[in-house]
Amino acid sequence: MPIYKMLQNAVFEPEHIRVMGTAFEETLSVLGLTNRDDELVEMVAKKIIELGQQGERDPQRLRDLAIMAFTA
């Protein structure tokens, strides 16, 4: 499941959506998640979106915060 499907009804600037998409893909790569039907993939997407809604705009920081949320 791509993060973009979850962002269809969200109100974000195109650049912010691109940043979240980049962070999402990088997070999946670091966590070794390749099956897009995995429930954890959806959880990662929701975490990235949550962080984006809180105002985070840096893709590396989004990635790092998401990874910490799932490895802590």
N, C-alpha and C. Protein backbone atom coordinates (compact mmCIF):
# COMPACT_ATOMS: atom_id res chain seq x y z
N MET A 1 0.82 -1.17 0.00
CA MET A 1 0.00 0.00 0.00
C MET A 1 0.88 1.25 0.00
N PRO A 2 0.79 2.05 -1.02
CA PRO A 2 1.55 3.30 -1.04
C PRO A 2 0.93 4.32 -0.08
N ILE A 3 1.77 5.14 0.48
CA ILE A 3 1.30 6.18 1.41
C ILE A 3 0.38 7.17 0.69
N TYR A 4 0.58 7.32 -0.62
CA TYR A 4 -0.20 8.31 -1.37
C TYR A 4 -1.69 8.01 -1.33
N LYS A 5 -2.07 6.74 -1.25
CA LYS A 5 -3.50 6.41 -1.15
C LYS A 5 -4.10 6.96 0.14
N MET A 6 -3.32 6.93 1.21
CA MET A 6 -3.81 7.42 2.49
C MET A 6 -3.85 8.94 2.53
N LEU A 7 -3.13 9.58 1.64
CA LEU A 7 -3.05 11.05 1.63
C LEU A 7 -4.05 11.69 0.67
N GLN A 8 -4.84 10.90 -0.04
CA GLN A 8 -5.74 11.44 -1.05
C GLN A 8 -6.71 12.47 -0.49
N ASN A 9 -7.20 12.28 0.71
CA ASN A 9 -8.18 13.20 1.29
C ASN A 9 -7.57 14.12 2.33
N ALA A 10 -6.25 14.08 2.45
CA ALA A 10 -5.56 14.92 3.43
C ALA A 10 -5.23 16.28 2.82
N VAL A 11 -5.03 17.25 3.67
CA VAL A 11 -4.71 18.60 3.20
C VAL A 11 -3.23 18.87 3.49
N PHE A 12 -2.41 18.60 2.49
CA PHE A 12 -0.98 18.85 2.56
C PHE A 12 -0.55 19.49 1.24
N GLU A 13 0.47 20.30 1.31
CA GLU A 13 1.07 20.86 0.10
C GLU A 13 1.75 19.74 -0.68
N PRO A 14 1.82 19.85 -2.00
CA PRO A 14 2.46 18.80 -2.81
C PRO A 14 3.89 18.47 -2.35
N GLU A 15 4.65 19.47 -1.96
CA GLU A 15 6.03 19.23 -1.52
C GLU A 15 6.04 18.42 -0.22
N HIS A 16 5.12 18.70 0.67
CA HIS A 16 5.04 17.96 1.93
C HIS A 16 4.66 16.51 1.67
N ILE A 17 3.78 16.28 0.72
CA ILE A 17 3.40 14.92 0.34
C ILE A 17 4.61 14.18 -0.23
N ARG A 18 5.40 14.87 -1.05
CA ARG A 18 6.60 14.25 -1.61
C ARG A 18 7.58 13.87 -0.50
N VAL A 19 7.76 14.77 0.46
CA VAL A 19 8.67 14.52 1.58
C VAL A 19 8.19 13.31 2.39
N MET A 20 6.90 13.24 2.67
CA MET A 20 6.38 12.11 3.43
C MET A 20 6.52 10.80 2.64
N GLY A 21 6.32 10.87 1.34
CA GLY A 21 6.48 9.69 0.50
C GLY A 21 7.92 9.18 0.53
N THR A 22 8.86 10.11 0.46
CA THR A 22 10.27 9.75 0.53
C THR A 22 10.60 9.11 1.87
N ALA A 23 10.14 9.74 2.95
CA ALA A 23 10.39 9.20 4.29
C ALA A 23 9.76 7.82 4.45
N PHE A 24 8.58 7.64 3.92
CA PHE A 24 7.88 6.36 3.99
C PHE A 24 8.69 5.26 3.31
N GLU A 25 9.12 5.51 2.09
CA GLU A 25 9.89 4.52 1.33
C GLU A 25 11.20 4.19 2.04
N GLU A 26 11.88 5.21 2.55
CA GLU A 26 13.15 4.98 3.24
C GLU A 26 12.94 4.20 4.54
N THR A 27 11.87 4.51 5.24
CA THR A 27 11.56 3.79 6.48
C THR A 27 11.30 2.32 6.20
N LEU A 28 10.52 2.05 5.18
CA LEU A 28 10.25 0.65 4.83
C LEU A 28 11.54 -0.08 4.49
N SER A 29 12.41 0.59 3.77
CA SER A 29 13.69 -0.02 3.39
C SER A 29 14.53 -0.35 4.62
N VAL A 30 14.65 0.61 5.53
CA VAL A 30 15.46 0.40 6.74
C VAL A 30 14.86 -0.72 7.59
N LEU A 31 13.55 -0.78 7.68
CA LEU A 31 12.89 -1.80 8.50
C LEU A 31 12.79 -3.14 7.78
N GLY A 32 13.18 -3.18 6.50
CA GLY A 32 13.14 -4.42 5.74
C GLY A 32 11.74 -4.88 5.38
N LEU A 33 10.82 -3.93 5.26
CA LEU A 33 9.43 -4.25 4.92
C LEU A 33 9.24 -4.19 3.41
N THR A 34 8.99 -5.34 2.81
CA THR A 34 8.82 -5.38 1.35
C THR A 34 7.40 -5.76 0.93
N ASN A 35 6.66 -6.41 1.82
CA ASN A 35 5.29 -6.82 1.51
C ASN A 35 4.35 -5.66 1.81
N ARG A 36 3.85 -5.04 0.75
CA ARG A 36 2.98 -3.87 0.92
C ARG A 36 1.64 -4.21 1.56
N ASP A 37 1.31 -5.49 1.67
CA ASP A 37 0.07 -5.90 2.33
C ASP A 37 0.27 -6.14 3.82
N ASP A 38 1.51 -6.01 4.29
CA ASP A 38 1.83 -6.20 5.70
C ASP A 38 1.16 -5.10 6.52
N GLU A 39 0.53 -5.48 7.60
CA GLU A 39 -0.15 -4.52 8.48
C GLU A 39 0.82 -3.47 9.02
N LEU A 40 2.07 -3.85 9.21
CA LEU A 40 3.08 -2.93 9.72
C LEU A 40 3.35 -1.80 8.72
N VAL A 41 3.23 -2.07 7.43
CA VAL A 41 3.42 -1.04 6.41
C VAL A 41 2.38 0.06 6.59
N GLU A 42 1.14 -0.33 6.82
CA GLU A 42 0.08 0.67 7.06
C GLU A 42 0.36 1.46 8.34
N MET A 43 0.87 0.78 9.35
CA MET A 43 1.20 1.47 10.60
C MET A 43 2.31 2.49 10.40
N VAL A 44 3.28 2.14 9.56
CA VAL A 44 4.37 3.07 9.25
C VAL A 44 3.80 4.29 8.53
N ALA A 45 2.94 4.06 7.56
CA ALA A 45 2.33 5.17 6.81
C ALA A 45 1.57 6.10 7.76
N LYS A 46 0.80 5.52 8.66
CA LYS A 46 0.03 6.33 9.61
C LYS A 46 0.94 7.14 10.52
N LYS A 47 2.06 6.56 10.93
CA LYS A 47 3.00 7.27 11.79
C LYS A 47 3.63 8.43 11.05
N ILE A 48 4.03 8.21 9.79
CA ILE A 48 4.62 9.28 8.98
C ILE A 48 3.62 10.42 8.80
N ILE A 49 2.38 10.07 8.51
CA ILE A 49 1.33 11.09 8.33
C ILE A 49 1.10 11.84 9.64
N GLU A 50 1.06 11.12 10.75
CA GLU A 50 0.88 11.76 12.05
C GLU A 50 2.01 12.77 12.31
N LEU A 51 3.23 12.36 12.05
CA LEU A 51 4.37 13.27 12.24
C LEU A 51 4.29 14.46 11.29
N GLY A 52 3.84 14.22 10.07
CA GLY A 52 3.66 15.30 9.11
C GLY A 52 2.60 16.28 9.56
N GLN A 53 1.53 15.77 10.14
CA GLN A 53 0.47 16.64 10.65
C GLN A 53 0.95 17.48 11.82
N GLN A 54 1.96 16.99 12.52
CA GLN A 54 2.54 17.74 13.63
C GLN A 54 3.52 18.80 13.14
N GLY A 55 3.76 18.83 11.81
CA GLY A 55 4.57 19.88 11.23
C GLY A 55 5.96 19.48 10.78
N GLU A 56 6.35 18.22 10.98
CA GLU A 56 7.68 17.80 10.55
C GLU A 56 7.75 17.80 9.02
N ARG A 57 8.79 18.45 8.48
CA ARG A 57 8.93 18.57 7.02
C ARG A 57 10.24 17.99 6.49
N ASP A 58 11.10 17.53 7.38
CA ASP A 58 12.40 17.00 6.96
C ASP A 58 12.28 15.49 6.75
N PRO A 59 12.57 15.00 5.52
CA PRO A 59 12.37 13.58 5.26
C PRO A 59 13.25 12.67 6.12
N GLN A 60 14.48 13.06 6.40
CA GLN A 60 15.35 12.24 7.23
C GLN A 60 14.84 12.19 8.67
N ARG A 61 14.37 13.32 9.15
CA ARG A 61 13.83 13.35 10.52
C ARG A 61 12.54 12.53 10.60
N LEU A 62 11.67 12.65 9.60
CA LEU A 62 10.46 11.82 9.55
C LEU A 62 10.83 10.35 9.59
N ARG A 63 11.80 9.97 8.75
CA ARG A 63 12.24 8.57 8.69
C ARG A 63 12.76 8.13 10.06
N ASP A 64 13.65 8.93 10.64
CA ASP A 64 14.27 8.56 11.91
C ASP A 64 13.24 8.44 13.03
N LEU A 65 12.30 9.37 13.09
CA LEU A 65 11.26 9.32 14.12
C LEU A 65 10.35 8.09 13.94
N ALA A 66 10.03 7.79 12.69
CA ALA A 66 9.20 6.60 12.43
C ALA A 66 9.95 5.33 12.81
N ILE A 67 11.21 5.25 12.47
CA ILE A 67 12.00 4.07 12.81
C ILE A 67 12.08 3.92 14.32
N MET A 68 12.31 5.01 15.02
CA MET A 68 12.37 4.94 16.48
C MET A 68 11.05 4.46 17.07
N ALA A 69 9.94 4.86 16.46
CA ALA A 69 8.63 4.44 16.96
C ALA A 69 8.42 2.94 16.84
N PHE A 70 9.07 2.31 15.86
CA PHE A 70 8.85 0.89 15.64
C PHE A 70 9.99 0.00 16.13
N THR A 71 11.04 0.61 16.61
CA THR A 71 12.16 -0.19 17.10
C THR A 71 12.45 0.04 18.57
N ALA A 72 11.71 0.94 19.19
CA ALA A 72 11.95 1.25 20.60
C ALA A 72 11.42 0.16 21.51
